Amino acid sequence: MRRFFVPVGARYINRQVLGIFFAALAILLSIALGDRLIQFLEKAAAGNIPADRVFYIVLLRMPELVQLVLPFALYIALLIGLGRLYSSQEMAVLRSGGMSTKTLLAWLMPVITLVTVLVGISSLSVTPSAKYTLEQELAELQKRIGLSALQPGIFRIENHGEQVTYSNALDDDDQTILDVFIQRQLADGNRMTVWAERGRRSPPSADGRQTLTLENGRRYVGTPGAANFDVMSFTRLDIDIDSDPVLEQVRDIESFKTENLGSMPAQQAELHWRLGLPIFCLILALLAIANAAVQPRQGPYARLGAGMVWMLGYYLALMLNRWLIQEDFIPGTLGLWPVHLAVGVYAALGLRTLAKPAAR
């Protein structure tokens, strides 16, 4: 049983780090998911998407958010958790008891490895599958965008009030709207008001445009307050309407299975991005350990500002490297390794410096 014994110091340090990790993870996920949820709820309130699909779409977005949030939460947890131990001189006590930098890495490595594996599984498998399902869902919702563009019982105001649309009910075929009202500001300053008994929409084009075919109605064109309105009765009237896309479409390449990514620059960039996220998580954790040491009187958050700069700089450098591969400015075989190696060497040098006092 001694082979499974976990030292008291390891339990204590991991408990400190994990407490901050879960708190940071909850905060970052709340911010990310809250922003997406508000965006989708606004579209649902405007009638662009069915309200009952909002949480399903958010759920499909979660793997992509989680694989990015996990490395950041782990980095913040290591930076703050270890910084607190250095500030309170508890790390000095542990080092005086024989704990070296290698021992510290061994104690923290199970947590770091677990988070890295979760990021890798999400990046290589779960997120592409979720994006493929999301792509299918968006395609289905885009087909139904005509139904939601004039959702019965909702006044839809577009273009800063230049167009107002309304329908009273939906026919039994679920495709024909009844008692349609449209008011539109024309380029010459007049207003066009249309009422029709029923209307039917064509399937939307890729940019969201579609034709609304109205039947048995009247059209009024004129200036509000004036008496010289042009009135016309019609049996059929076709009107072009614009419908906002349901959501930003997922790029096809992002929904590819990892093993299906080929040699095209964009596909190589996507492949290296998926492979790079778990490496990013691992190196970021080592960077946090190397930069967490503070002087006893500096306070536990003394390194937080500089640490955040390193974290964001590393991430932005990876995004730039990915873009260069995607645009074929650098060969895909090079991958994201230049950035990984540069930051990895810096982290290794920091760990080496950290180990020097224990070696004396």
Protein backbone atom coordinates (compact mmCIF):
# COMPACT_ATOMS: atom_id res chain seq x y z
CA MET A 1 0.00 0.00 0.00
CA ARG A 2 2.96 2.35 0.44
CA ARG A 3 3.34 2.71 -3.32
CA PHE A 4 0.02 4.59 -3.35
CA PHE A 5 0.95 6.80 -0.41
CA VAL A 6 0.60 10.52 -1.22
CA PRO A 7 2.89 12.80 0.83
CA VAL A 8 1.20 15.32 3.09
CA GLY A 9 2.95 18.16 1.25
CA ALA A 10 1.60 16.97 -2.10
CA ARG A 11 -1.94 16.79 -0.74
CA TYR A 12 -1.65 20.24 0.79
CA ILE A 13 -0.25 21.92 -2.34
CA ASN A 14 -2.72 20.22 -4.67
CA ARG A 15 -5.61 21.18 -2.39
CA GLN A 16 -4.50 24.82 -2.54
CA VAL A 17 -4.18 24.72 -6.33
CA LEU A 18 -7.41 22.79 -7.01
CA GLY A 19 -9.51 25.14 -4.88
CA ILE A 20 -8.43 28.11 -7.00
CA PHE A 21 -8.64 26.03 -10.19
CA PHE A 22 -12.32 25.19 -9.73
CA ALA A 23 -13.13 28.75 -8.74
CA ALA A 24 -11.33 30.16 -11.80
CA LEU A 25 -12.93 27.52 -14.04
CA ALA A 26 -16.40 28.40 -12.78
CA ILE A 27 -15.83 32.14 -13.28
CA LEU A 28 -14.32 31.83 -16.77
CA LEU A 29 -17.00 29.39 -17.93
CA SER A 30 -19.74 31.59 -16.51
CA ILE A 31 -18.39 34.58 -18.43
CA ALA A 32 -17.96 32.65 -21.69
CA LEU A 33 -21.26 30.77 -21.51
CA GLY A 34 -23.13 33.80 -20.22
CA ASP A 35 -22.04 35.86 -23.21
CA ARG A 36 -23.11 33.13 -25.66
CA LEU A 37 -26.38 32.50 -23.81
CA ILE A 38 -27.32 36.18 -23.90
CA GLN A 39 -26.55 36.31 -27.62
CA PHE A 40 -28.74 33.27 -28.33
CA LEU A 41 -31.57 34.46 -26.06
CA GLU A 42 -31.62 37.78 -27.91
CA LYS A 43 -31.98 35.93 -31.20
CA ALA A 44 -34.71 33.75 -29.72
CA ALA A 45 -36.57 36.83 -28.44
CA ALA A 46 -36.33 38.38 -31.91
CA GLY A 47 -37.78 35.20 -33.42
CA ASN A 48 -34.61 34.15 -35.24
CA ILE A 49 -34.32 30.79 -33.50
CA PRO A 50 -36.80 28.63 -31.59
CA ALA A 51 -36.53 29.22 -27.85
CA ASP A 52 -36.44 25.49 -27.16
CA ARG A 53 -33.17 25.11 -29.14
CA VAL A 54 -31.17 27.75 -27.27
CA PHE A 55 -29.76 25.55 -24.50
CA TYR A 56 -29.05 22.74 -26.95
CA ILE A 57 -26.96 25.09 -29.10
CA VAL A 58 -25.15 26.38 -26.00
CA LEU A 59 -24.43 22.78 -24.99
CA LEU A 60 -22.86 22.12 -28.40
CA ARG A 61 -20.65 25.18 -27.94
CA MET A 62 -19.41 24.05 -24.54
CA PRO A 63 -16.57 21.69 -25.63
CA GLU A 64 -14.93 24.47 -27.64
CA LEU A 65 -15.12 26.82 -24.66
CA VAL A 66 -13.98 24.22 -22.13
CA GLN A 67 -10.85 23.27 -24.09
CA LEU A 68 -9.76 26.92 -24.01
CA VAL A 69 -10.84 27.71 -20.46
CA LEU A 70 -9.16 24.69 -18.83
CA PRO A 71 -5.54 25.76 -19.61
CA PHE A 72 -6.21 29.33 -18.47
CA ALA A 73 -7.89 28.19 -15.24
CA LEU A 74 -5.00 25.81 -14.47
CA TYR A 75 -2.43 28.54 -15.15
CA ILE A 76 -4.21 31.03 -12.88
CA ALA A 77 -4.60 28.38 -10.16
CA LEU A 78 -0.90 27.49 -10.20
CA LEU A 79 0.21 31.11 -10.34
CA ILE A 80 -2.01 32.26 -7.45
CA GLY A 81 -1.90 29.06 -5.39
CA LEU A 82 1.87 28.71 -5.43
CA GLY A 83 2.33 32.47 -5.10
CA ARG A 84 0.30 32.39 -1.90
CA LEU A 85 2.51 29.59 -0.52
CA TYR A 86 5.67 31.51 -1.42
CA SER A 87 4.31 34.71 0.13
CA SER A 88 3.44 33.00 3.41
CA GLN A 89 6.87 31.28 3.40
CA GLU A 90 5.22 27.86 3.47
CA MET A 91 7.24 26.90 0.39
CA ALA A 92 10.40 27.83 2.26
CA VAL A 93 9.37 25.47 5.05
CA LEU A 94 8.67 22.68 2.54
CA ARG A 95 12.02 23.26 0.83
CA SER A 96 13.82 23.16 4.14
CA GLY A 97 12.15 19.79 4.68
CA GLY A 98 13.72 18.44 1.51
CA MET A 99 11.26 19.37 -1.23
CA SER A 100 13.07 20.18 -4.49
CA THR A 101 11.73 21.60 -7.72
CA LYS A 102 11.62 18.09 -9.18
CA THR A 103 9.58 16.95 -6.19
CA LEU A 104 7.21 19.88 -6.63
CA LEU A 105 6.74 18.99 -10.31
CA ALA A 106 6.11 15.35 -9.40
CA TRP A 107 3.48 16.38 -6.84
CA LEU A 108 1.68 18.66 -9.30
CA MET A 109 2.05 16.50 -12.40
CA PRO A 110 -1.04 14.28 -11.81
CA VAL A 111 -3.33 17.33 -11.86
CA ILE A 112 -1.49 18.90 -14.80
CA THR A 113 -1.58 15.62 -16.73
CA LEU A 114 -5.29 15.11 -16.08
CA VAL A 115 -6.19 18.60 -17.31
CA THR A 116 -3.90 18.21 -20.33
CA VAL A 117 -5.50 14.88 -21.26
CA LEU A 118 -8.99 16.42 -20.96
CA VAL A 119 -7.95 19.28 -23.23
CA GLY A 120 -6.45 16.83 -25.75
CA ILE A 121 -9.57 14.63 -25.84
CA SER A 122 -11.79 17.66 -26.27
CA SER A 123 -9.57 19.24 -28.94
CA LEU A 124 -9.01 16.11 -31.03
CA SER A 125 -12.38 14.39 -30.72
CA VAL A 126 -15.19 15.94 -28.70
CA THR A 127 -15.09 19.48 -30.11
CA PRO A 128 -15.03 18.43 -33.82
CA SER A 129 -17.97 16.08 -33.18
CA ALA A 130 -19.89 18.81 -31.35
CA LYS A 131 -19.18 21.29 -34.15
CA TYR A 132 -20.37 18.79 -36.76
CA THR A 133 -23.63 18.34 -34.84
CA LEU A 134 -23.88 22.12 -34.45
CA GLU A 135 -23.36 22.57 -38.18
CA GLN A 136 -26.24 20.21 -38.90
CA GLU A 137 -28.42 22.03 -36.38
CA LEU A 138 -27.61 25.43 -37.90
CA ALA A 139 -28.37 24.13 -41.38
CA GLU A 140 -31.76 22.89 -40.17
CA LEU A 141 -32.49 26.17 -38.41
CA GLN A 142 -31.43 28.11 -41.49
CA LYS A 143 -34.04 26.20 -43.49
CA ARG A 144 -36.61 27.22 -40.91
CA ILE A 145 -35.49 30.82 -40.78
CA GLY A 146 -38.40 31.75 -43.02
CA LEU A 147 -40.75 30.43 -40.39
CA SER A 148 -39.10 32.42 -37.62
CA ALA A 149 -38.54 35.64 -39.59
CA LEU A 150 -42.25 36.46 -39.22
CA GLN A 151 -43.00 34.40 -36.16
CA PRO A 152 -46.74 34.74 -35.42
CA GLY A 153 -47.67 37.13 -32.64
CA ILE A 154 -44.35 39.05 -32.64
CA PHE A 155 -43.69 42.53 -34.03
CA ARG A 156 -40.30 42.38 -35.70
CA ILE A 157 -38.53 45.74 -35.97
CA GLU A 158 -35.53 45.88 -38.28
CA ASN A 159 -33.08 48.45 -39.69
CA HIS A 160 -33.61 50.90 -36.81
CA GLY A 161 -37.35 51.01 -37.30
CA GLU A 162 -37.32 51.30 -41.10
CA GLN A 163 -39.21 48.01 -41.39
CA VAL A 164 -41.86 46.45 -39.15
CA THR A 165 -43.35 43.03 -39.83
CA TYR A 166 -46.08 41.06 -38.09
CA SER A 167 -48.22 38.00 -38.67
CA ASN A 168 -51.20 37.00 -36.57
CA ALA A 169 -51.24 33.21 -36.90
CA LEU A 170 -49.82 30.16 -38.63
CA ASP A 171 -51.91 27.98 -40.91
CA ASP A 172 -52.35 24.25 -40.40
CA ASP A 173 -49.58 23.46 -42.91
CA ASP A 174 -47.02 25.24 -40.66
CA GLN A 175 -45.74 27.11 -43.72
CA THR A 176 -48.40 29.74 -44.44
CA ILE A 177 -48.77 32.81 -42.21
CA LEU A 178 -52.10 34.56 -41.81
CA ASP A 179 -53.02 38.26 -41.43
CA VAL A 180 -49.66 39.65 -42.49
CA PHE A 181 -48.70 43.26 -41.81
CA ILE A 182 -45.57 44.93 -43.25
CA GLN A 183 -44.52 48.58 -43.04
CA ARG A 184 -41.36 49.73 -44.79
CA GLN A 185 -39.57 53.05 -45.23
CA LEU A 186 -38.91 53.65 -48.95
CA ALA A 187 -35.89 55.43 -50.41
CA ASP A 188 -38.02 58.41 -51.60
CA GLY A 189 -39.23 59.13 -48.07
CA ASN A 190 -42.64 57.53 -48.45
CA ARG A 191 -43.84 54.63 -46.35
CA MET A 192 -45.28 51.44 -47.76
CA THR A 193 -47.83 49.57 -45.67
CA VAL A 194 -49.08 46.17 -46.75
CA TRP A 195 -51.79 43.96 -45.32
CA ALA A 196 -52.57 40.52 -46.72
CA GLU A 197 -54.76 37.58 -45.80
CA ARG A 198 -51.89 35.12 -46.05
CA GLY A 199 -48.28 34.82 -47.05
CA ARG A 200 -45.78 32.12 -47.84
CA ARG A 201 -42.01 32.38 -47.81
CA SER A 202 -39.47 30.92 -50.17
CA PRO A 203 -36.45 29.02 -48.76
CA PRO A 204 -33.74 31.50 -47.69
CA SER A 205 -30.58 31.93 -49.71
CA ALA A 206 -27.12 31.57 -48.17
CA ASP A 207 -27.07 35.26 -47.13
CA GLY A 208 -30.52 35.07 -45.55
CA ARG A 209 -32.54 36.77 -48.32
CA GLN A 210 -35.91 35.36 -49.24
CA THR A 211 -39.14 36.28 -51.05
CA LEU A 212 -42.45 36.67 -49.24
CA THR A 213 -45.41 35.92 -51.49
CA LEU A 214 -48.56 37.67 -50.22
CA GLU A 215 -52.12 36.89 -51.33
CA ASN A 216 -55.36 38.86 -51.24
CA GLY A 217 -54.36 42.15 -49.70
CA ARG A 218 -53.94 45.90 -50.03
CA ARG A 219 -50.88 48.11 -50.35
CA TYR A 220 -50.67 51.74 -49.19
CA VAL A 221 -47.84 54.08 -50.26
CA GLY A 222 -47.53 57.66 -49.08
CA THR A 223 -46.28 60.11 -46.48
CA PRO A 224 -47.70 59.85 -42.96
CA GLY A 225 -50.06 62.77 -42.30
CA ALA A 226 -50.80 63.38 -45.99
CA ALA A 227 -54.04 62.46 -47.75
CA ASN A 228 -52.66 61.46 -51.15
CA PHE A 229 -51.91 57.80 -50.49
CA ASP A 230 -51.52 55.40 -53.39
CA VAL A 231 -53.82 52.44 -52.65
CA MET A 232 -53.67 49.17 -54.53
CA SER A 233 -55.48 45.87 -54.08
CA PHE A 234 -53.68 42.75 -55.17
CA THR A 235 -54.25 39.05 -55.56
CA ARG A 236 -50.54 38.28 -55.34
CA LEU A 237 -47.56 40.42 -54.36
CA ASP A 238 -43.91 39.34 -54.00
CA ILE A 239 -41.72 41.25 -51.50
CA ASP A 240 -38.03 40.69 -50.83
CA ILE A 241 -37.20 40.44 -47.13
CA ASP A 242 -33.90 40.10 -45.33
CA SER A 243 -33.49 37.61 -42.51
CA ASP A 244 -30.46 37.66 -40.24
CA PRO A 245 -28.51 34.42 -40.26
CA VAL A 246 -29.42 32.24 -37.31
CA LEU A 247 -25.85 32.17 -36.01
CA GLU A 248 -22.38 32.45 -37.40
CA GLN A 249 -21.95 29.27 -39.40
CA VAL A 250 -19.30 26.81 -38.32
CA ARG A 251 -16.60 26.43 -40.93
CA ASP A 252 -16.71 23.01 -42.54
CA ILE A 253 -13.07 22.39 -41.67
CA GLU A 254 -13.71 22.82 -37.95
CA SER A 255 -16.21 19.95 -38.01
CA PHE A 256 -13.83 17.52 -39.77
CA LYS A 257 -12.65 14.52 -37.85
CA THR A 258 -8.99 14.93 -36.95
CA GLU A 259 -7.93 11.93 -39.01
CA ASN A 260 -9.67 13.41 -42.08
CA LEU A 261 -7.68 16.66 -42.12
CA GLY A 262 -5.52 16.78 -45.23
CA SER A 263 -2.53 18.69 -46.53
CA MET A 264 -4.28 21.94 -47.53
CA PRO A 265 -2.90 24.96 -45.61
CA ALA A 266 -6.19 25.61 -43.82
CA GLN A 267 -6.51 21.97 -42.83
CA GLN A 268 -2.92 21.82 -41.67
CA ALA A 269 -3.51 24.92 -39.55
CA GLU A 270 -6.59 23.30 -37.99
CA LEU A 271 -4.69 20.05 -37.35
CA HIS A 272 -1.78 21.78 -35.62
CA TRP A 273 -4.18 23.91 -33.59
CA ARG A 274 -5.90 20.80 -32.26
CA LEU A 275 -2.58 19.13 -31.51
CA GLY A 276 -1.20 22.32 -30.02
CA LEU A 277 -3.90 22.93 -27.40
CA PRO A 278 -2.83 20.12 -25.01
CA ILE A 279 0.82 21.14 -25.54
CA PHE A 280 -0.22 24.71 -24.79
CA CYS A 281 -1.85 23.52 -21.56
CA LEU A 282 1.26 21.60 -20.43
CA ILE A 283 3.78 24.34 -21.22
CA LEU A 284 1.50 26.98 -19.70
CA ALA A 285 1.38 24.99 -16.45
CA LEU A 286 5.20 24.71 -16.35
CA LEU A 287 5.42 28.43 -17.08
CA ALA A 288 3.14 29.16 -14.12
CA ILE A 289 5.27 27.06 -11.77
CA ALA A 290 8.41 28.83 -12.98
CA ASN A 291 6.92 32.31 -12.54
CA ALA A 292 4.96 31.79 -9.31
CA ALA A 293 7.83 32.43 -6.87
CA VAL A 294 7.49 35.75 -5.02
CA GLN A 295 9.46 37.39 -2.26
CA PRO A 296 8.01 36.99 1.25
CA ARG A 297 6.88 40.61 1.50
CA GLN A 298 5.61 41.01 -2.06
CA GLY A 299 2.19 39.45 -1.53
CA PRO A 300 0.65 36.43 -3.25
CA TYR A 301 -0.47 38.38 -6.33
CA ALA A 302 2.79 40.15 -7.10
CA ARG A 303 3.45 37.98 -10.18
CA LEU A 304 -0.13 37.91 -11.40
CA GLY A 305 0.14 40.90 -13.75
CA ALA A 306 3.30 39.70 -15.48
CA GLY A 307 1.90 36.17 -15.52
CA MET A 308 -1.26 37.26 -17.33
CA VAL A 309 0.88 39.02 -19.95
CA TRP A 310 2.80 35.79 -20.56
CA MET A 311 -0.39 33.75 -20.78
CA LEU A 312 -2.10 36.06 -23.27
CA GLY A 313 1.11 36.60 -25.23
CA TYR A 314 1.59 32.84 -25.62
CA TYR A 315 -2.00 32.35 -26.78
CA LEU A 316 -1.91 35.26 -29.24
CA ALA A 317 1.41 34.04 -30.64
CA LEU A 318 -0.18 30.63 -31.29
CA MET A 319 -3.11 32.28 -33.06
CA LEU A 320 -0.70 34.28 -35.22
CA ASN A 321 1.28 31.13 -36.03
CA ARG A 322 -1.97 29.37 -36.96
CA TRP A 323 -2.95 32.24 -39.27
CA LEU A 324 0.44 32.18 -40.99
CA ILE A 325 0.00 28.46 -41.73
CA GLN A 326 -3.58 28.99 -42.88
CA GLU A 327 -2.52 31.72 -45.29
CA ASP A 328 0.41 29.57 -46.49
CA PHE A 329 3.05 32.07 -45.36
CA ILE A 330 4.92 29.30 -43.53
CA PRO A 331 4.88 25.56 -44.31
CA GLY A 332 2.34 23.42 -42.51
CA THR A 333 5.04 20.94 -41.53
CA LEU A 334 6.50 23.60 -39.25
CA GLY A 335 3.28 23.68 -37.25
CA LEU A 336 3.03 25.66 -34.05
CA TRP A 337 6.36 24.34 -32.81
CA PRO A 338 8.30 27.65 -33.07
CA VAL A 339 6.02 29.25 -30.47
CA HIS A 340 5.85 26.12 -28.30
CA LEU A 341 9.63 25.74 -28.31
CA ALA A 342 10.27 29.42 -27.52
CA VAL A 343 7.92 29.48 -24.53
CA GLY A 344 8.94 25.96 -23.48
CA VAL A 345 12.63 26.93 -23.35
CA TYR A 346 11.76 30.01 -21.29
CA ALA A 347 9.72 27.87 -18.88
CA ALA A 348 12.55 25.32 -18.61
CA LEU A 349 15.05 28.08 -17.84
CA GLY A 350 12.70 29.44 -15.19
CA LEU A 351 12.38 26.01 -13.57
CA ARG A 352 16.14 25.62 -13.64
CA THR A 353 16.56 28.97 -11.90
CA LEU A 354 13.91 27.97 -9.39
CA ALA A 355 15.84 24.79 -8.58
CA LYS A 356 19.15 26.52 -7.88
CA PRO A 357 18.56 27.44 -4.22
CA ALA A 358 17.52 23.84 -3.44
CA ALA A 359 20.70 22.53 -5.06
CA ARG A 360 23.01 24.45 -2.79
